[in-house]
């Protein structure tokens, strides 16, 4: 069972000004009482750079996988731009998100736009 928003932000520094209602919490139980499983296909693609293997192992169609990876690439690019607009140039989070966005985008475009 996932923790609640308040429980997740309680240990954080007060100067971060986190709001419990804005913390995403992912429930792992399905509506019918069964278990839900998370797919790691974006991580698998990032690691192996082989969409056909990712699709075979996850049971996804190549179109659905491509769309999900494209959404992730756009999200990373947007997050990087948003952080860059607010953070100093030497900020650790800015550098980490920038590197992830650069590496993921390079792999995405190199493998999926041949």
Foldseek 3Di string as FASTA:
>chain_A
DWDALCVVCVVPDVVVVDDRVPDDDDDQADPVRHGHDDQPLLVVCLVPVDLVVSCVVVVHDSVVSLVVLVVVLVVLVVVLVVCPVPDDPPDPVNVVSVVVSVSSVVSSCVRPVD
